[in-house]
Amino acid sequence: MHSKDQLFIENSLKLFNIDVDYKTSETVQRVQMVVTNPPKISWDILCQIQLMKACKMEVNVRDRTFLLDFYKEGSTPRKKKRKRGHEEAQHNFEVKVHKDDQKVVDRILNYICSLSDLCLFDVSCTKDTTYDLVLHNVESLPYTLLAKIKEALSSFIEDIEFDCPNQRVHFYIKRNDSL
């Protein structure tokens, strides 16, 4: 493994602020790292990793894993076919929030439900100074989808937190009366 790749892995692991168990595997052009039983991961940590090196990231709170997949130093990515956009899906969850905030919550859940290989998960929402939309036992969420959600709803979403020890993803949403 190239020293820059090793340094990237070490710097990524330092962002967790604790020692974590991880495994790496290599192919000719790519390196894949899987962190098992990661601590809570904030959206800022994912963004910092993405800034250090463009990579594919997935957080799976159900299996308590964090996947990091990137090209080795010096290898060039192959051109890929254009990916199809996610098809809009309608969620079937009963989430009661203020009527002005319902569209935001519905849009987040529609984005998540648009993933093609997603199993059943539970949803709850609590109201405090912000709404805490909690997805429990949700499978692998790719960084690209989360970035799309964050970009589309940036004025409404305060933060996203991945609570792997408790198998939950938290979307902190600003309440309409606090905007």
Protein backbone atom coordinates (compact mmCIF):
# COMPACT_ATOMS: atom_id res chain seq x y z
CA MET A 1 0.00 0.00 0.00
CA HIS A 2 1.27 3.46 -0.90
CA SER A 3 2.33 5.68 2.02
CA LYS A 4 -0.25 8.35 1.03
CA ASP A 5 -3.02 5.77 1.17
CA GLN A 6 -1.85 4.60 4.58
CA LEU A 7 -1.70 8.20 5.78
CA PHE A 8 -5.26 8.81 4.52
CA ILE A 9 -6.49 5.77 6.46
CA GLU A 10 -4.71 6.89 9.62
CA ASN A 11 -6.03 10.46 9.36
CA SER A 12 -9.56 9.17 8.73
CA LEU A 13 -9.39 6.96 11.81
CA LYS A 14 -8.11 9.86 13.94
CA LEU A 15 -11.38 11.70 13.27
CA PHE A 16 -13.23 9.13 15.40
CA ASN A 17 -11.22 10.22 18.49
CA ILE A 18 -11.07 6.63 19.80
CA ASP A 19 -9.39 3.41 18.73
CA VAL A 20 -11.61 1.43 16.36
CA ASP A 21 -11.36 -2.01 14.80
CA TYR A 22 -10.94 -1.98 11.06
CA LYS A 23 -9.92 -4.22 8.17
CA THR A 24 -8.51 -3.22 4.83
CA SER A 25 -8.47 -5.09 1.57
CA GLU A 26 -6.74 -4.16 -1.65
CA THR A 27 -7.23 -4.78 -5.32
CA VAL A 28 -5.00 -3.61 -8.14
CA GLN A 29 -6.59 -0.14 -8.20
CA ARG A 30 -8.69 0.22 -5.06
CA VAL A 31 -8.49 0.05 -1.28
CA GLN A 32 -11.49 -0.80 0.87
CA MET A 33 -11.60 -0.22 4.62
CA VAL A 34 -14.40 -1.45 6.88
CA VAL A 35 -14.66 -0.09 10.41
CA THR A 36 -16.60 -2.40 12.71
CA ASN A 37 -18.51 -1.01 15.70
CA PRO A 38 -17.74 2.66 15.04
CA PRO A 39 -18.75 5.30 17.57
CA LYS A 40 -21.26 8.04 16.80
CA ILE A 41 -20.37 9.64 13.48
CA SER A 42 -21.41 13.19 12.68
CA TRP A 43 -22.00 14.63 9.22
CA ASP A 44 -18.91 16.81 9.69
CA ILE A 45 -16.67 13.75 9.99
CA LEU A 46 -17.97 12.36 6.70
CA CYS A 47 -17.39 15.73 5.02
CA GLN A 48 -13.83 15.93 6.37
CA ILE A 49 -13.03 12.46 5.05
CA GLN A 50 -14.47 13.40 1.67
CA LEU A 51 -12.34 16.57 1.61
CA MET A 52 -9.16 14.61 2.32
CA LYS A 53 -9.77 12.23 -0.57
CA ALA A 54 -12.74 11.62 -2.84
CA CYS A 55 -14.07 8.21 -1.90
CA LYS A 56 -17.17 6.08 -1.65
CA MET A 57 -18.56 5.94 1.89
CA GLU A 58 -21.45 3.98 3.35
CA VAL A 59 -22.74 3.87 6.90
CA ASN A 60 -24.67 0.77 7.92
CA VAL A 61 -26.11 1.28 11.39
CA ARG A 62 -27.95 -2.05 11.36
CA ASP A 63 -24.72 -4.04 10.96
CA ARG A 64 -22.67 -1.38 12.78
CA THR A 65 -20.14 -0.85 9.99
CA PHE A 66 -18.60 2.09 8.16
CA LEU A 67 -17.24 1.44 4.66
CA LEU A 68 -14.60 3.55 2.96
CA ASP A 69 -13.68 2.66 -0.64
CA PHE A 70 -11.14 4.68 -2.63
CA TYR A 71 -8.69 4.51 -5.53
CA LYS A 72 -5.07 3.84 -4.71
CA GLU A 73 -2.56 6.64 -5.08
CA GLY A 74 -1.39 6.75 -8.70
CA SER A 75 -4.24 4.72 -10.18
CA THR A 76 -6.73 6.42 -12.43
CA PRO A 77 -10.46 5.81 -12.17
CA ARG A 78 -12.04 4.08 -15.13
CA LYS A 79 -14.82 5.90 -16.89
CA LYS A 80 -18.18 4.58 -15.84
CA LYS A 81 -21.55 4.77 -17.43
CA ARG A 82 -23.76 7.54 -16.17
CA LYS A 83 -25.64 6.37 -13.12
CA ARG A 84 -29.36 6.60 -13.20
CA GLY A 85 -30.94 8.94 -10.74
CA HIS A 86 -32.90 7.58 -7.84
CA GLU A 87 -36.52 7.06 -8.70
CA GLU A 88 -38.88 8.94 -6.49
CA ALA A 89 -40.57 6.68 -3.97
CA GLN A 90 -43.38 7.38 -1.57
CA HIS A 91 -42.78 6.36 2.01
CA ASN A 92 -45.53 4.69 4.01
CA PHE A 93 -44.59 5.88 7.51
CA GLU A 94 -46.93 7.70 9.87
CA VAL A 95 -44.88 10.65 11.10
CA LYS A 96 -46.81 13.45 12.75
CA VAL A 97 -45.18 16.89 12.76
CA HIS A 98 -46.43 20.43 12.27
CA LYS A 99 -48.17 20.75 8.88
CA ASP A 100 -45.57 23.29 7.66
CA ASP A 101 -42.75 20.86 8.47
CA GLN A 102 -44.43 17.74 7.09
CA LYS A 103 -43.10 18.33 3.55
CA VAL A 104 -39.49 18.33 4.74
CA VAL A 105 -39.90 15.12 6.75
CA ASP A 106 -41.74 13.46 3.86
CA ARG A 107 -39.04 14.49 1.40
CA ILE A 108 -36.25 13.02 3.56
CA LEU A 109 -38.11 9.74 3.93
CA ASN A 110 -38.89 9.64 0.20
CA TYR A 111 -35.19 10.04 -0.59
CA ILE A 112 -34.28 7.22 1.81
CA CYS A 113 -37.04 4.94 0.49
CA SER A 114 -35.82 5.51 -3.08
CA LEU A 115 -32.85 3.22 -2.42
CA SER A 116 -33.44 0.06 -4.41
CA ASP A 117 -32.10 -2.54 -1.96
CA LEU A 118 -33.40 -1.25 1.35
CA CYS A 119 -35.02 -3.52 3.92
CA LEU A 120 -37.62 -2.54 6.50
CA PHE A 121 -36.70 -0.02 9.18
CA ASP A 122 -38.49 1.94 11.87
CA VAL A 123 -39.08 5.70 11.99
CA SER A 124 -39.89 7.98 14.90
CA CYS A 125 -39.86 11.74 15.36
CA THR A 126 -39.57 13.74 18.56
CA LYS A 127 -40.05 17.46 18.97
CA ASP A 128 -37.75 19.70 20.97
CA THR A 129 -36.01 22.86 19.79
CA THR A 130 -35.58 20.84 16.56
CA TYR A 131 -37.28 17.75 15.22
CA ASP A 132 -35.27 14.59 15.73
CA LEU A 133 -36.21 12.23 12.90
CA VAL A 134 -34.82 8.83 13.91
CA LEU A 135 -34.36 5.92 11.52
CA HIS A 136 -33.82 2.70 13.45
CA ASN A 137 -32.18 -0.41 11.93
CA VAL A 138 -31.71 1.19 8.53
CA GLU A 139 -29.25 -0.52 6.23
CA SER A 140 -26.41 0.94 4.25
CA LEU A 141 -26.80 4.64 3.47
CA PRO A 142 -24.39 5.92 0.82
CA TYR A 143 -22.70 9.29 1.28
CA THR A 144 -23.88 10.39 -2.18
CA LEU A 145 -27.55 10.06 -1.22
CA LEU A 146 -27.01 11.78 2.11
CA ALA A 147 -25.16 14.63 0.38
CA LYS A 148 -28.07 14.95 -2.05
CA ILE A 149 -30.53 15.17 0.86
CA LYS A 150 -28.34 17.67 2.71
CA GLU A 151 -27.94 19.82 -0.41
CA ALA A 152 -31.62 19.77 -1.34
CA LEU A 153 -32.80 20.55 2.19
CA SER A 154 -29.81 22.50 3.54
CA SER A 155 -31.90 25.27 5.05
CA PHE A 156 -33.96 22.76 7.03
CA ILE A 157 -31.49 20.07 8.15
CA GLU A 158 -29.22 21.16 10.99
CA ASP A 159 -27.21 17.95 11.28
CA ILE A 160 -27.13 14.25 10.52
CA GLU A 161 -25.74 11.86 13.12
CA PHE A 162 -25.07 8.13 12.82
CA ASP A 163 -25.46 6.41 16.18
CA CYS A 164 -24.04 3.01 15.27
CA PRO A 165 -23.93 1.62 18.83
CA ASN A 166 -27.72 2.14 19.10
CA GLN A 167 -28.43 1.36 15.42
CA ARG A 168 -29.97 4.76 14.69
CA VAL A 169 -29.60 7.60 12.21
CA HIS A 170 -30.71 11.03 13.47
CA PHE A 171 -31.79 13.82 11.15
CA TYR A 172 -32.03 17.06 13.14
CA ILE A 173 -34.56 19.26 11.35
CA LYS A 174 -35.26 22.91 12.12
CA ARG A 175 -38.80 23.58 13.15
CA ASN A 176 -40.78 25.98 11.00
CA ASP A 177 -41.50 28.32 13.90
CA SER A 178 -37.74 28.61 14.57
CA LEU A 179 -36.79 29.63 10.99
